[in-house]
Structure formats: structure tokens, C-alpha cells
Amino acid sequence: METLFWNIAGEYNKDTWIFQIAIFLIELFIIFLIYNKPSKIIILCEKIFLAICFTWIAVVYFILHGSSEFNNVLNAIPFGIVALLWIVDIFVNKVKFTRNKRYDKIVSILYVIWFTFPIFSFLIGREWPKMFGIIFPCNLITFTLILLISYSKNVNYILLIILIALAVPGGFINVFEFGVWEDIIMIFVGIVATVIFSKIIFEKHQCKRN
């Protein structure tokens, strides 16, 4: 299964590397705007962009480049659900992207760690194209969790639970069943997100009681 995993990753990288770079550059631009010049239009663009990215992973990575032996359709479903939740949120505005500066230092560290996915992949002996690219399922989950931590005052907890489930239990499966050691990064960020949001929920509960 490990060989199958990296064969899929390799074909995906060969076919989409230009698109991955383009998506990543757009991602960096939107990140810059949402942190420095937030507005309703920028927030809308971020939600649309995330919906597109999760749809991309569901369709292009899993369905088009995946394998039935690797349960490609089943793996695509949670990413499709997350994409749908972002589309719905455009209208219901559950995630308001209200900055929580309390976690700025942690978020800065997590962004640096997120950026090292392809570097870590190279350092542990992967070779192009059978290595982590820059727009992969695990990179995207990790990035989205970091973003939600940064803007954790208003969060869609259904969305959050799905992402944490993909990051932590899903990450451990990838590490131990498929040898995807790069997913240690995703697991770490997922655990940090779990701790932070558990603390936020506890504090809100305490405030209501008082």
C-alpha cells in the first residue's frame, strides 16, 4: 500500500505541478490580505478559495489520480463535505474570521512548520515526483486548521471536527500503514488545534456558568 500511495502522489505531482504552484501563490496572496487588509470581500474570497481547494483535492487528487484499491471515492468524500461546508458558510457566515491574537505566536510557529512539508519529504529521502507537493490533502488540512486557530473566535465546529478527525486519527493511519512520515506535521497541528479549541470551549462554558 505504501508503494501505491507514492505512485498516486507521483502521478499527481507530474500532472499538476504547475497548477499546484499557481494555487499556492494565490493562497499566499490571500493569506497576506486576510491578515493585513481584512474586509468582507477578502473573507468571501478566502471561503471561495478554500471551497475550491478542497474540491480540487477531492476530485483531482483522489478521484482522478487515486485508485479504487486505495478507496479513492471514500477518501474524497470528507474533502467534498468540507468544500460544501465552506460554500454553505458563504451564506450562513458561521466562520466570521474574527482574529484571535491570543494565539499569534503559536500560529506563526505552526505556519513555519506547515511550510516545511515538501522540505521534510525531501530530507527523509523522497525524490521527485514521489514526494509531497505543495497542494496535497495533508498540507491543506494543516493550513486550514492553522487558519481556524488564528481566527478562532467564531468557528464552525462541524467543520473543525472533520478536519481534526482527518488530521489526527487519519494522520496516524497514514504514518503507520503507508509510511507517510511527513504527516507527523499534520498530526502535531491537529493535536494543537484540539487542545486550543478544547480550552476555548471550556472557557466559554465557564463564562456562561458565571
Protein backbone atom coordinates (compact mmCIF):
# COMPACT_ATOMS: atom_id res chain seq x y z
CA MET A 1 0.00 0.00 0.00
CA GLU A 2 2.92 2.34 0.66
CA THR A 3 4.13 1.87 -2.93
CA LEU A 4 0.62 2.53 -4.25
CA PHE A 5 0.37 5.70 -2.13
CA TRP A 6 3.58 7.18 -3.55
CA ASN A 7 2.74 6.08 -7.10
CA ILE A 8 -0.51 8.07 -6.82
CA ALA A 9 1.36 11.03 -5.32
CA GLY A 10 3.96 10.85 -8.10
CA GLU A 11 1.42 10.85 -10.92
CA TYR A 12 -0.48 13.69 -9.27
CA ASN A 13 2.71 15.75 -8.95
CA LYS A 14 3.76 15.15 -12.56
CA ASP A 15 0.35 16.12 -13.92
CA THR A 16 -0.43 19.10 -11.69
CA TRP A 17 2.81 20.75 -10.51
CA ILE A 18 2.10 23.96 -12.46
CA PHE A 19 -1.41 24.16 -11.00
CA GLN A 20 -0.05 23.44 -7.52
CA ILE A 21 2.35 26.39 -7.80
CA ALA A 22 -0.44 28.67 -9.08
CA ILE A 23 -2.81 27.63 -6.26
CA PHE A 24 -0.04 28.09 -3.68
CA LEU A 25 0.79 31.61 -4.90
CA ILE A 26 -2.90 32.58 -4.78
CA GLU A 27 -3.03 31.08 -1.30
CA LEU A 28 -0.09 33.20 -0.11
CA PHE A 29 -1.64 36.34 -1.61
CA ILE A 30 -4.99 35.75 0.12
CA ILE A 31 -3.23 34.98 3.41
CA PHE A 32 -1.39 38.29 3.17
CA LEU A 33 -4.63 40.18 2.51
CA ILE A 34 -6.71 38.47 5.18
CA TYR A 35 -4.08 39.18 7.85
CA ASN A 36 -3.18 42.69 6.74
CA LYS A 37 -6.21 44.11 4.92
CA PRO A 38 -9.23 42.07 6.04
CA SER A 39 -12.56 43.01 4.50
CA LYS A 40 -15.84 41.32 3.62
CA ILE A 41 -14.63 40.78 0.06
CA ILE A 42 -11.33 39.23 1.18
CA ILE A 43 -13.12 36.93 3.65
CA LEU A 44 -15.52 35.90 0.89
CA CYS A 45 -12.56 35.21 -1.41
CA GLU A 46 -10.91 33.08 1.30
CA LYS A 47 -14.02 30.94 1.75
CA ILE A 48 -14.43 30.50 -2.01
CA PHE A 49 -10.74 29.67 -2.33
CA LEU A 50 -10.91 27.04 0.43
CA ALA A 51 -14.01 25.51 -1.17
CA ILE A 52 -12.13 25.30 -4.48
CA CYS A 53 -9.04 23.78 -2.83
CA PHE A 54 -10.98 21.05 -1.03
CA THR A 55 -12.93 20.32 -4.21
CA TRP A 56 -9.61 20.12 -6.08
CA ILE A 57 -8.25 17.54 -3.65
CA ALA A 58 -11.47 15.51 -3.71
CA VAL A 59 -11.73 15.44 -7.49
CA VAL A 60 -8.21 15.81 -8.89
CA TYR A 61 -6.14 14.06 -6.22
CA PHE A 62 -8.44 11.29 -5.05
CA ILE A 63 -10.92 10.61 -7.87
CA LEU A 64 -8.86 11.36 -10.99
CA HIS A 65 -5.44 10.25 -9.72
CA GLY A 66 -6.49 7.85 -6.98
CA SER A 67 -7.08 4.12 -7.09
CA SER A 68 -10.08 2.03 -6.14
CA GLU A 69 -7.62 -0.15 -4.22
CA PHE A 70 -6.84 2.96 -2.18
CA ASN A 71 -10.56 3.72 -1.66
CA ASN A 72 -10.30 6.86 -3.75
CA VAL A 73 -14.00 7.77 -3.71
CA LEU A 74 -14.30 7.08 0.02
CA ASN A 75 -11.26 9.27 0.71
CA ALA A 76 -12.70 12.03 -1.46
CA ILE A 77 -15.97 12.24 0.49
CA PRO A 78 -14.74 14.14 3.60
CA PHE A 79 -12.93 16.67 1.40
CA GLY A 80 -16.08 17.14 -0.64
CA ILE A 81 -18.07 17.65 2.57
CA VAL A 82 -15.58 20.27 3.81
CA ALA A 83 -15.79 22.03 0.42
CA LEU A 84 -19.58 22.04 0.71
CA LEU A 85 -19.39 23.42 4.27
CA TRP A 86 -17.24 26.32 3.05
CA ILE A 87 -19.75 27.04 0.27
CA VAL A 88 -22.63 26.97 2.77
CA ASP A 89 -20.67 29.25 5.09
CA ILE A 90 -20.57 31.91 2.39
CA PHE A 91 -24.31 32.30 3.03
CA VAL A 92 -24.68 31.46 6.74
CA ASN A 93 -21.42 33.19 7.78
CA LYS A 94 -20.68 30.85 10.67
CA VAL A 95 -16.92 31.37 10.30
CA LYS A 96 -16.55 35.13 10.61
CA PHE A 97 -12.73 35.19 10.53
CA THR A 98 -12.59 37.29 13.70
CA ARG A 99 -8.92 37.37 14.65
CA ASN A 100 -7.88 35.83 17.97
CA LYS A 101 -4.49 37.46 18.60
CA ARG A 102 -4.06 35.42 21.76
CA TYR A 103 -2.54 32.62 19.68
CA ASP A 104 -0.45 34.72 17.26
CA LYS A 105 2.91 33.32 18.42
CA ILE A 106 1.69 29.73 18.21
CA VAL A 107 0.15 30.40 14.79
CA SER A 108 3.42 31.88 13.49
CA ILE A 109 5.30 28.74 14.56
CA LEU A 110 2.65 26.48 13.02
CA TYR A 111 2.82 28.33 9.69
CA VAL A 112 6.59 27.77 9.59
CA ILE A 113 6.06 24.07 10.32
CA TRP A 114 3.33 23.86 7.64
CA PHE A 115 5.70 25.40 5.08
CA THR A 116 8.23 22.58 5.67
CA PHE A 117 6.07 19.72 4.31
CA PRO A 118 7.98 19.36 0.98
CA ILE A 119 11.31 20.08 2.71
CA PHE A 120 10.71 17.34 5.30
CA SER A 121 9.68 15.00 2.49
CA PHE A 122 12.98 15.66 0.70
CA LEU A 123 15.08 15.35 3.87
CA ILE A 124 13.75 11.87 4.69
CA GLY A 125 14.80 10.63 1.26
CA ARG A 126 11.85 11.18 -1.07
CA GLU A 127 12.60 12.04 -4.67
CA TRP A 128 10.50 13.98 -7.16
CA PRO A 129 7.83 13.25 -8.18
CA LYS A 130 7.15 10.66 -5.45
CA MET A 131 7.22 13.13 -2.60
CA PHE A 132 4.98 15.73 -1.01
CA GLY A 133 3.99 18.58 -3.29
CA ILE A 134 2.69 21.92 -2.06
CA ILE A 135 -1.04 21.28 -2.59
CA PHE A 136 -1.69 17.89 -1.02
CA PRO A 137 -4.56 16.70 1.19
CA CYS A 138 -2.45 16.82 4.35
CA ASN A 139 -0.94 20.24 3.58
CA LEU A 140 -4.43 21.64 3.00
CA ILE A 141 -5.87 20.18 6.22
CA THR A 142 -2.92 21.54 8.19
CA PHE A 143 -3.18 25.01 6.65
CA THR A 144 -6.92 25.22 7.30
CA LEU A 145 -6.53 24.20 10.94
CA ILE A 146 -3.87 26.88 11.46
CA LEU A 147 -6.15 29.47 9.86
CA LEU A 148 -9.03 28.45 12.13
CA ILE A 149 -6.79 28.71 15.21
CA SER A 150 -5.81 32.21 14.16
CA TYR A 151 -9.46 33.18 13.69
CA SER A 152 -10.86 31.07 16.50
CA LYS A 153 -13.44 33.48 17.95
CA ASN A 154 -16.14 32.20 15.57
CA VAL A 155 -15.74 28.69 14.19
CA ASN A 156 -17.98 26.13 12.54
CA TYR A 157 -17.37 23.20 14.91
CA ILE A 158 -18.69 20.61 12.46
CA LEU A 159 -16.02 21.75 10.02
CA LEU A 160 -13.42 21.74 12.78
CA ILE A 161 -14.27 18.21 13.96
CA ILE A 162 -13.98 16.81 10.42
CA LEU A 163 -10.59 18.49 9.94
CA ILE A 164 -9.25 17.25 13.29
CA ALA A 165 -10.51 13.73 12.53
CA LEU A 166 -8.66 13.82 9.21
CA ALA A 167 -5.55 15.28 10.85
CA VAL A 168 -5.11 13.11 13.94
CA PRO A 169 -6.62 9.61 13.52
CA GLY A 170 -6.22 9.92 9.74
CA GLY A 171 -2.65 11.11 10.14
CA PHE A 172 -1.69 8.18 12.38
CA ILE A 173 -3.14 5.76 9.81
CA ASN A 174 -1.07 7.38 7.07
CA VAL A 175 2.11 7.23 9.15
CA PHE A 176 1.86 3.64 10.34
CA GLU A 177 0.02 1.99 7.42
CA PHE A 178 1.50 3.88 4.47
CA GLY A 179 4.81 5.14 5.90
CA VAL A 180 3.88 8.79 5.29
CA TRP A 181 6.16 10.24 7.97
CA GLU A 182 5.51 13.75 6.70
CA ASP A 183 2.07 13.51 8.31
CA ILE A 184 3.69 13.91 11.72
CA ILE A 185 3.38 17.63 10.92
CA MET A 186 -0.37 17.31 10.34
CA ILE A 187 -0.84 15.20 13.47
CA PHE A 188 1.04 17.76 15.57
CA VAL A 189 -1.05 20.66 14.25
CA GLY A 190 -4.23 18.62 14.75
CA ILE A 191 -3.33 17.95 18.39
CA VAL A 192 -2.51 21.63 18.96
CA ALA A 193 -5.87 22.60 17.43
CA THR A 194 -7.66 20.07 19.66
CA VAL A 195 -6.03 21.48 22.80
CA ILE A 196 -6.67 25.12 21.85
CA PHE A 197 -10.31 24.66 20.88
CA SER A 198 -10.98 22.45 23.93
CA LYS A 199 -9.62 25.29 26.05
CA ILE A 200 -11.79 27.85 24.20
CA ILE A 201 -14.93 25.72 24.68
CA PHE A 202 -14.12 25.19 28.37
CA GLU A 203 -13.59 28.92 28.92
CA LYS A 204 -16.87 29.77 27.17
CA HIS A 205 -18.67 27.22 29.33
CA GLN A 206 -17.13 28.70 32.46
CA CYS A 207 -18.19 32.22 31.43
CA LYS A 208 -21.80 31.06 30.94
CA ARG A 209 -21.83 29.41 34.35
CA ASN A 210 -20.53 32.58 35.98
